[in-house]
């Protein structure tokens, strides 16, 4: 079958790498893709939200299945659009409907969904410009720290943890009266701060049943020891030592199953990945957020650990046959380390030549390109997060050390990476 993958990041290179391994994949197209996805299929110069051009590409290349990588096209309704185009009625699209994608597209929608279906999460309230003074009083009376979230998509920058009431009131004013996050911040969700260890749990669901993918933890801060500014993610590890069978059973019964039952009850059409951002609060899982797609860089450690044919899994999702699927997981640890451009997540330069990609890598190590493109016969940087190195190991220590070793064989000017990914688990795995 012919498959179209939408997106251009490291997540999409990892997905393309996995899709291409399937005997069911005849031709793979990626829109717009990057220098890494070009190694797996054919890149198409089509933007992720240019729905008309995506539909045209589906017809031109006789696409049978579309897999949507990033959140923006899903929240804007790409699934509904493509399946509504004459001639594409039988197209299999893996990604939730526009309504269901509000789980990520609107923090208020997600919190209301969790409250309605009894899913554990932080206590919260929502405010807009009309009830601004109520929000100020809510902040004044709330214990610290306090979390402010822009309701809509804000490119991963719309969540603020405030340690002082004056800081919180200032940010609240900037969001509602000064449009700090634009349209995304016209409504603000204020919630209690959850203490514990964060983790990411992923499922693939057909709207009735689900398969549980490996869990992971990513690292957002740019600096060693989780210091400095937040980024899109500097690395990830999987599995997690504390996510034992008892904890995962709590996640299934208290979070995953009520979520899927809630989607069905609310008649939200959902076929695709669900990302549960969780807090392990003294052994009890609480939902921080939903994402309506796989995470990045978590995909780069989760997907390599899945032994199943990914196309078979996606076909089962489309045909509502996931209850017949048995997932096979590589028991080894995986760690991904991200190479970023100097200055990221602030200003950085593009066009730096990447060297070392042509070298023979170690066994059980993969390089997934993200912000990288071909320029003549060279690969050059084209973004803040440039590539990831993912390695397997018998434990997290070994996997991280191997990724770090390979990272040191690669180079571009002003390249930077965190060498301490998985640091809080590495002593536990010796």
Protein backbone atom coordinates (compact mmCIF):
# COMPACT_ATOMS: atom_id res chain seq x y z
CA UNK A 1 0.00 0.00 0.00
CA UNK A 2 0.99 3.63 -0.50
CA UNK A 3 1.40 5.65 2.69
CA UNK A 4 1.64 9.40 3.31
CA UNK A 5 3.28 10.57 6.54
CA UNK A 6 2.66 14.20 7.50
CA UNK A 7 5.42 16.07 9.37
CA UNK A 8 9.11 16.98 9.28
CA UNK A 9 10.71 16.27 12.66
CA UNK A 10 12.72 13.57 14.36
CA UNK A 11 9.42 11.90 15.24
CA UNK A 12 8.59 11.61 11.56
CA UNK A 13 12.02 10.19 10.66
CA UNK A 14 11.55 7.52 13.36
CA UNK A 15 8.05 6.72 12.09
CA UNK A 16 9.23 6.66 8.46
CA UNK A 17 12.11 4.35 9.43
CA UNK A 18 9.62 1.96 11.05
CA UNK A 19 6.99 2.16 8.29
CA UNK A 20 9.58 1.40 5.61
CA UNK A 21 10.46 -1.88 7.35
CA UNK A 22 6.95 -3.24 6.65
CA UNK A 23 6.41 -5.57 3.70
CA UNK A 24 2.97 -3.95 3.41
CA UNK A 25 4.50 -0.56 2.56
CA UNK A 26 4.94 -0.31 -1.21
CA UNK A 27 5.66 3.43 -1.42
CA UNK A 28 6.19 5.94 1.38
CA UNK A 29 5.74 9.68 0.93
CA UNK A 30 6.47 12.32 3.57
CA UNK A 31 5.10 15.88 3.55
CA UNK A 32 7.26 17.88 3.84
CA UNK A 33 9.83 15.59 5.48
CA UNK A 34 13.51 16.27 6.11
CA UNK A 35 16.92 14.91 5.11
CA UNK A 36 16.31 11.80 7.22
CA UNK A 37 12.87 10.91 5.90
CA UNK A 38 14.32 11.23 2.38
CA UNK A 39 16.31 8.08 3.17
CA UNK A 40 13.07 6.18 3.81
CA UNK A 41 10.75 7.48 1.09
CA UNK A 42 9.90 10.44 -1.13
CA UNK A 43 9.62 13.91 0.40
CA UNK A 44 6.84 16.11 -0.98
CA UNK A 45 7.08 19.93 -0.80
CA UNK A 46 3.69 20.29 0.90
CA UNK A 47 3.01 22.14 4.18
CA UNK A 48 1.42 20.27 7.07
CA UNK A 49 -1.65 22.55 7.11
CA UNK A 50 -2.07 22.95 3.34
CA UNK A 51 -5.02 20.58 3.29
CA UNK A 52 -5.88 21.15 -0.37
CA UNK A 53 -2.34 20.27 -1.44
CA UNK A 54 -2.31 17.23 0.87
CA UNK A 55 -5.56 16.00 -0.71
CA UNK A 56 -4.10 16.56 -4.18
CA UNK A 57 -1.00 14.55 -3.20
CA UNK A 58 -3.20 11.72 -1.91
CA UNK A 59 -4.95 11.51 -5.27
CA UNK A 60 -1.81 11.93 -7.37
CA UNK A 61 0.15 9.25 -5.51
CA UNK A 62 -2.82 6.94 -4.93
CA UNK A 63 -2.38 7.05 -1.18
CA UNK A 64 -4.13 4.33 0.81
CA UNK A 65 -3.23 5.51 4.33
CA UNK A 66 -2.25 8.80 5.94
CA UNK A 67 -0.41 8.96 9.27
CA UNK A 68 -0.43 12.42 10.86
CA UNK A 69 2.68 13.19 12.95
CA UNK A 70 2.27 16.69 14.50
CA UNK A 71 -0.62 18.22 16.43
CA UNK A 72 -1.33 21.37 14.40
CA UNK A 73 -2.95 19.70 11.36
CA UNK A 74 -4.98 17.43 13.66
CA UNK A 75 -6.31 20.32 15.75
CA UNK A 76 -7.15 22.20 12.55
CA UNK A 77 -9.14 19.22 11.22
CA UNK A 78 -6.98 17.41 8.65
CA UNK A 79 -8.65 14.04 9.33
CA UNK A 80 -12.15 15.40 8.71
CA UNK A 81 -10.99 17.33 5.66
CA UNK A 82 -9.21 14.49 3.87
CA UNK A 83 -11.96 11.94 4.42
CA UNK A 84 -14.51 14.46 3.17
CA UNK A 85 -12.82 15.02 -0.20
CA UNK A 86 -14.64 13.37 -3.16
CA UNK A 87 -12.60 10.40 -4.28
CA UNK A 88 -10.89 9.98 -0.88
CA UNK A 89 -13.82 8.50 1.03
CA UNK A 90 -11.95 5.21 1.55
CA UNK A 91 -8.70 6.84 2.64
CA UNK A 92 -7.48 5.49 5.99
CA UNK A 93 -6.37 8.41 8.16
CA UNK A 94 -4.59 7.65 11.43
CA UNK A 95 -5.28 10.63 13.62
CA UNK A 96 -8.29 11.83 15.64
CA UNK A 97 -11.09 14.01 14.32
CA UNK A 98 -11.04 17.76 14.87
CA UNK A 99 -13.46 17.47 17.79
CA UNK A 100 -11.46 14.71 19.46
CA UNK A 101 -8.20 16.64 18.91
CA UNK A 102 -9.48 19.28 21.33
CA UNK A 103 -8.00 17.02 24.01
CA UNK A 104 -4.73 18.68 23.03
CA UNK A 105 -6.03 21.79 21.27
CA UNK A 106 -7.86 23.15 24.33
CA UNK A 107 -6.62 22.79 27.91
CA UNK A 108 -10.09 23.75 29.18
CA UNK A 109 -11.75 21.08 26.99
CA UNK A 110 -9.32 18.46 28.31
CA UNK A 111 -9.86 19.42 31.95
CA UNK A 112 -13.64 19.38 31.52
CA UNK A 113 -13.36 15.95 29.82
CA UNK A 114 -11.29 14.58 32.72
CA UNK A 115 -13.65 15.97 35.33
CA UNK A 116 -16.69 14.58 33.50
CA UNK A 117 -15.21 11.09 33.27
CA UNK A 118 -13.54 10.88 36.68
CA UNK A 119 -9.96 10.89 35.44
CA UNK A 120 -7.44 12.02 38.12
CA UNK A 121 -5.90 15.44 37.42
CA UNK A 122 -4.93 18.65 39.19
CA UNK A 123 -7.66 20.90 40.60
CA UNK A 124 -8.25 23.87 38.29
CA UNK A 125 -10.33 26.84 37.21
CA UNK A 126 -10.56 28.65 33.86
CA UNK A 127 -10.74 32.36 33.17
CA UNK A 128 -10.94 34.85 30.31
CA UNK A 129 -10.99 38.62 29.96
CA UNK A 130 -14.63 38.77 31.10
CA UNK A 131 -13.94 37.29 34.53
CA UNK A 132 -10.39 38.58 34.89
CA UNK A 133 -10.87 39.91 38.46
CA UNK A 134 -12.17 36.52 39.59
CA UNK A 135 -8.94 35.04 38.24
CA UNK A 136 -6.85 37.57 40.18
CA UNK A 137 -8.67 36.66 43.40
CA UNK A 138 -8.26 32.96 42.62
CA UNK A 139 -4.49 33.44 42.29
CA UNK A 140 -4.32 35.45 45.53
CA UNK A 141 -6.03 32.68 47.49
CA UNK A 142 -4.18 29.76 45.85
CA UNK A 143 -1.23 27.94 47.44
CA UNK A 144 2.11 28.14 45.65
CA UNK A 145 3.55 27.24 43.25
CA UNK A 146 0.68 27.75 40.82
CA UNK A 147 0.44 26.72 37.16
CA UNK A 148 -0.93 28.97 34.38
CA UNK A 149 -1.73 27.39 31.01
CA UNK A 150 -2.75 29.06 27.77
CA UNK A 151 -5.85 27.21 26.62
CA UNK A 152 -4.77 26.68 23.00
CA UNK A 153 -1.66 25.50 21.16
CA UNK A 154 1.31 27.72 21.99
CA UNK A 155 4.21 25.76 20.46
CA UNK A 156 5.03 24.16 23.80
CA UNK A 157 5.55 27.54 25.49
CA UNK A 158 2.11 28.14 26.98
CA UNK A 159 2.65 26.60 30.44
CA UNK A 160 4.05 28.74 33.25
CA UNK A 161 4.92 27.62 36.79
CA UNK A 162 4.83 30.65 39.08
CA UNK A 163 6.43 30.71 42.53
CA UNK A 164 4.99 34.04 43.74
CA UNK A 165 1.48 35.61 43.55
CA UNK A 166 2.85 38.82 41.98
CA UNK A 167 4.61 36.79 39.27
CA UNK A 168 1.41 34.81 38.65
CA UNK A 169 -0.77 37.93 38.45
CA UNK A 170 1.70 39.61 36.10
CA UNK A 171 1.76 36.60 33.75
CA UNK A 172 -2.03 36.28 33.98
CA UNK A 173 -2.34 39.94 32.90
CA UNK A 174 0.17 39.46 30.06
CA UNK A 175 -1.77 36.47 28.77
CA UNK A 176 -5.27 37.96 28.86
CA UNK A 177 -4.62 41.68 28.29
CA UNK A 178 -1.34 41.75 26.34
CA UNK A 179 -1.84 38.62 24.19
CA UNK A 180 1.44 37.04 25.33
CA UNK A 181 0.45 33.79 23.61
CA UNK A 182 -1.85 35.31 21.00
CA UNK A 183 -5.14 33.53 20.35
CA UNK A 184 -3.95 30.53 22.39
CA UNK A 185 -4.05 32.62 25.57
CA UNK A 186 -7.51 34.18 25.24
CA UNK A 187 -8.60 31.66 27.85
CA UNK A 188 -6.32 30.67 30.75
CA UNK A 189 -6.48 27.52 32.86
CA UNK A 190 -5.06 27.93 36.37
CA UNK A 191 -4.31 24.74 38.27
CA UNK A 192 -2.55 23.33 41.30
CA UNK A 193 1.07 22.28 40.97
CA UNK A 194 1.53 18.52 41.09
CA UNK A 195 4.59 17.09 42.83
CA UNK A 196 6.28 13.88 41.73
CA UNK A 197 8.04 12.35 38.72
CA UNK A 198 6.72 13.05 35.24
CA UNK A 199 6.39 10.37 32.60
CA UNK A 200 4.78 9.91 29.21
CA UNK A 201 2.50 6.97 28.44
CA UNK A 202 1.29 6.20 24.92
CA UNK A 203 -1.49 4.12 23.47
CA UNK A 204 -2.74 3.39 19.99
CA UNK A 205 -6.53 3.24 19.98
CA UNK A 206 -9.23 2.44 17.43
CA UNK A 207 -11.89 4.14 19.55
CA UNK A 208 -13.00 0.86 21.11
CA UNK A 209 -9.81 -0.92 22.21
CA UNK A 210 -6.16 0.00 22.60
CA UNK A 211 -2.62 -1.31 22.76
CA UNK A 212 -0.25 0.10 25.36
CA UNK A 213 3.09 1.25 23.96
CA UNK A 214 6.28 1.58 26.04
CA UNK A 215 6.37 4.48 28.49
CA UNK A 216 9.10 7.13 28.37
CA UNK A 217 10.45 10.22 30.09
CA UNK A 218 11.71 13.24 28.20
CA UNK A 219 13.91 16.11 29.32
CA UNK A 220 12.75 19.63 28.47
CA UNK A 221 15.36 21.84 30.08
CA UNK A 222 18.29 22.82 27.89
CA UNK A 223 20.96 22.53 30.61
CA UNK A 224 22.57 19.63 32.45
CA UNK A 225 20.71 18.77 35.65
CA UNK A 226 17.43 20.11 34.27
CA UNK A 227 18.54 23.74 34.33
CA UNK A 228 17.96 26.60 31.92
CA UNK A 229 15.15 27.30 29.49
CA UNK A 230 12.46 24.87 28.39
CA UNK A 231 12.93 23.32 24.94
CA UNK A 232 11.00 20.96 22.70
CA UNK A 233 12.95 18.14 24.35
CA UNK A 234 16.66 17.34 24.78
CA UNK A 235 16.35 13.57 25.07
CA UNK A 236 14.31 10.66 26.39
CA UNK A 237 14.64 7.23 28.00
CA UNK A 238 12.49 4.09 28.10
CA UNK A 239 11.49 2.05 30.08
CA UNK A 240 11.31 3.72 33.51
CA UNK A 241 12.39 1.82 36.63
CA UNK A 242 9.47 3.06 38.75
CA UNK A 243 6.81 2.23 36.15
CA UNK A 244 6.36 -1.32 37.40
CA UNK A 245 3.41 -3.60 36.72
CA UNK A 246 1.42 -2.28 39.70
CA UNK A 247 1.83 1.36 38.65
CA UNK A 248 1.02 0.66 34.99
CA UNK A 249 -2.11 -1.22 36.06
CA UNK A 250 -3.24 1.92 37.90
CA UNK A 251 -2.57 3.91 34.71
CA UNK A 252 -4.68 1.47 32.69
CA UNK A 253 -7.64 1.35 35.08
CA UNK A 254 -7.70 4.97 36.28
CA UNK A 255 -6.53 6.87 33.19
CA UNK A 256 -6.42 4.99 29.88
CA UNK A 257 -9.62 2.97 30.05
CA UNK A 258 -11.79 5.86 31.39
CA UNK A 259 -10.34 8.10 28.65
CA UNK A 260 -11.24 5.71 25.83
CA UNK A 261 -14.66 5.03 27.37
CA UNK A 262 -15.15 8.81 27.63
CA UNK A 263 -14.27 9.35 23.98
CA UNK A 264 -16.85 6.74 23.00
CA UNK A 265 -19.52 8.15 25.35
CA UNK A 266 -18.94 11.69 24.08
CA UNK A 267 -19.03 10.43 20.46
CA UNK A 268 -15.54 11.73 19.72
CA UNK A 269 -14.11 9.88 16.71
CA UNK A 270 -10.62 8.80 17.66
CA UNK A 271 -8.33 6.49 15.70
CA UNK A 272 -4.70 7.09 16.48
CA UNK A 273 -2.15 7.73 19.19
CA UNK A 274 -2.93 9.22 22.60
CA UNK A 275 -0.09 10.69 24.64
CA UNK A 276 -0.79 10.86 28.37
CA UNK A 277 1.46 13.32 30.18
CA UNK A 278 1.37 11.95 33.72
CA UNK A 279 2.68 12.74 37.17
CA UNK A 280 3.58 9.86 39.46
CA UNK A 281 2.21 11.34 42.69
CA UNK A 282 3.41 8.96 45.43
CA UNK A 283 2.55 5.95 43.31
CA UNK A 284 -0.70 7.35 41.93
CA UNK A 285 -0.95 8.59 38.31
CA UNK A 286 -2.47 12.00 37.61
CA UNK A 287 -2.95 13.50 34.15
CA UNK A 288 -1.05 16.71 33.43
CA UNK A 289 -2.08 16.86 29.77
CA UNK A 290 -3.22 14.93 26.74
CA UNK A 291 -1.55 15.05 23.34
CA UNK A 292 -3.37 13.71 20.29
CA UNK A 293 -0.19 12.29 18.70
CA UNK A 294 3.18 10.80 19.61
CA UNK A 295 5.72 12.99 21.40
CA UNK A 296 9.10 14.13 20.13
CA UNK A 297 11.74 12.99 21.18
CA UNK A 298 9.82 10.19 22.96
CA UNK A 299 8.89 8.60 19.63
CA UNK A 300 12.58 7.99 19.00
CA UNK A 301 12.79 5.65 22.03
CA UNK A 302 9.26 4.20 21.96
CA UNK A 303 8.94 3.17 18.30
CA UNK A 304 12.30 1.33 18.11
CA UNK A 305 11.21 -0.79 21.12
CA UNK A 306 8.03 -1.93 19.32
CA UNK A 307 8.75 -5.18 17.49
CA UNK A 308 5.42 -5.37 15.64
CA UNK A 309 4.95 -4.31 12.02
CA UNK A 310 3.77 -0.70 12.36
CA UNK A 311 1.65 -0.81 9.20
CA UNK A 312 -0.16 -3.88 10.53
CA UNK A 313 -0.86 -1.99 13.77
CA UNK A 314 -2.20 1.02 11.85
CA UNK A 315 -4.41 -1.19 9.67
CA UNK A 316 -5.83 -2.80 12.81
CA UNK A 317 -6.48 0.69 14.17
CA UNK A 318 -8.28 1.78 11.03
CA UNK A 319 -10.36 -1.41 10.92
CA UNK A 320 -11.20 -1.39 14.66
CA UNK A 321 -9.39 -4.69 15.18
CA UNK A 322 -6.87 -3.74 17.86
CA UNK A 323 -8.44 -6.21 20.29
CA UNK A 324 -6.90 -8.98 18.17
CA UNK A 325 -3.38 -7.52 18.36
CA UNK A 326 -0.66 -8.67 20.76
CA UNK A 327 2.08 -6.11 21.11
CA UNK A 328 5.69 -7.33 21.27
CA UNK A 329 8.18 -5.05 23.04
CA UNK A 330 11.97 -5.14 23.06
CA UNK A 331 12.89 -5.56 26.73
CA UNK A 332 16.14 -3.62 26.39
CA UNK A 333 16.46 0.00 27.48
CA UNK A 334 16.55 2.76 24.88
CA UNK A 335 17.92 6.29 25.20
CA UNK A 336 17.82 9.15 22.75
CA UNK A 337 20.02 12.25 22.99
CA UNK A 338 19.21 15.37 20.96
CA UNK A 339 21.80 17.54 19.20
CA UNK A 340 20.70 21.18 19.03
CA UNK A 341 21.97 24.34 17.38
CA UNK A 342 24.01 26.74 19.53
CA UNK A 343 21.69 29.32 21.11
CA UNK A 344 18.62 27.07 21.04
CA UNK A 345 15.89 27.55 22.30
CA UNK A 346 16.73 31.20 21.64
CA UNK A 347 18.22 32.54 18.41
CA UNK A 348 20.40 30.18 16.40
CA UNK A 349 21.91 29.95 12.93
CA UNK A 350 21.01 27.49 10.20
CA UNK A 351 23.01 26.07 7.30
CA UNK A 352 25.83 24.47 9.32
CA UNK A 353 27.30 21.40 7.60
CA UNK A 354 26.75 18.15 9.53
CA UNK A 355 29.63 15.68 9.36
CA UNK A 356 29.94 12.07 10.47
CA UNK A 357 26.53 10.89 9.26
CA UNK A 358 28.16 8.76 6.58
CA UNK A 359 30.26 6.86 9.13
CA UNK A 360 29.38 3.32 10.19
CA UNK A 361 27.53 3.57 13.48
CA UNK A 362 27.57 1.09 16.34
CA UNK A 363 25.11 -1.78 16.26
CA UNK A 364 21.82 -1.00 18.01
CA UNK A 365 22.20 2.74 17.38
CA UNK A 366 20.10 4.90 15.06
CA UNK A 367 20.37 8.56 14.05
CA UNK A 368 17.05 10.27 13.38
CA UNK A 369 17.29 13.64 11.62
CA UNK A 370 14.98 16.52 12.52
CA UNK A 371 16.03 20.10 11.64
CA UNK A 372 18.25 19.01 8.76
CA UNK A 373 18.02 19.29 4.99
CA UNK A 374 20.02 18.43 1.90
CA UNK A 375 21.99 21.24 0.29
CA UNK A 376 23.70 19.81 -2.75
CA UNK A 377 25.48 16.67 -1.63
CA UNK A 378 25.73 17.87 1.98
CA UNK A 379 23.33 17.70 4.92
CA UNK A 380 23.02 21.01 6.78
CA UNK A 381 21.21 22.24 9.87
CA UNK A 382 17.74 23.65 9.34
CA UNK A 383 16.30 24.06 12.83
CA UNK A 384 16.91 24.21 16.56
CA UNK A 385 16.74 20.49 17.24
CA UNK A 386 18.90 19.00 14.49
CA UNK A 387 19.09 15.24 15.07
CA UNK A 388 18.77 12.57 17.73
CA UNK A 389 20.94 9.56 18.48
CA UNK A 390 19.01 6.56 19.85
CA UNK A 391 20.75 3.51 21.30
CA UNK A 392 19.74 0.27 22.95
CA UNK A 393 21.43 -1.07 26.06
CA UNK A 394 20.93 -3.64 28.79
CA UNK A 395 20.05 -0.72 31.07
CA UNK A 396 19.59 3.05 30.86
CA UNK A 397 23.22 3.72 31.77
CA UNK A 398 24.51 1.63 28.89
CA UNK A 399 22.01 3.03 26.38
CA UNK A 400 22.83 6.66 27.30
CA UNK A 401 26.59 6.07 27.22
CA UNK A 402 26.35 4.53 23.76
CA UNK A 403 24.24 7.42 22.46
CA UNK A 404 26.70 9.91 23.94
CA UNK A 405 29.64 8.08 22.37
CA UNK A 406 28.04 8.15 18.91
CA UNK A 407 27.01 11.79 19.41
CA UNK A 408 30.69 12.66 19.88
CA UNK A 409 31.47 11.19 16.44
CA UNK A 410 29.04 13.63 14.80
CA UNK A 411 29.64 17.34 14.36
CA UNK A 412 28.35 20.68 13.19
CA UNK A 413 29.51 24.15 14.26
CA UNK A 414 28.10 25.21 17.66
CA UNK A 415 26.50 21.78 18.21
CA UNK A 416 25.31 21.11 21.77
CA UNK A 417 23.76 18.13 23.57
CA UNK A 418 22.98 17.13 27.13
CA UNK A 419 25.22 14.29 28.33
CA UNK A 420 23.12 13.54 31.43
CA UNK A 421 19.86 12.30 29.87
CA UNK A 422 18.24 9.77 32.22
CA UNK A 423 20.46 10.95 35.07
CA UNK A 424 18.00 10.25 37.90
CA UNK A 425 17.62 6.61 36.84
CA UNK A 426 21.15 5.74 35.85
CA UNK A 427 22.40 4.84 39.35
CA UNK A 428 19.33 2.62 39.81
CA UNK A 429 20.21 0.56 36.76
CA UNK A 430 23.80 -0.36 37.64
